[in-house]
């Protein structure tokens, strides 16, 4: 997942970048339509706990939504990889216990 600290001042379209700490850990907490072409959002930085309210155009909100989806995909893929790694380690431990005779069929009786 991206863990960048921006060297430039975030613009109004960089909703994922915190205006205070510069990290890209900002997520929406609440949002609602603000007319036909805008969205009001309450944003929170997961790094420094800075909160801010913004009203942005549909285009900016859509770009932010795409970025949030991309980040969710990164998190999901990482969780899946860690889960597979954990399962592989558990299988190796189980197989080794079987090889050493530490487990017998009675261990699995109901």
Foldseek 3Di string as FASTA:
>chain_A
DDFDADPDQDDPLLQQADNPRRTRQKDFPDKDDDPDFKMWTWIAHPPPGDIDIDIGGPVSVVVVVVVVVVVVVVVVVVVVVVVVVVVVVVVVVVVVCVVVVVDDPVVVDD
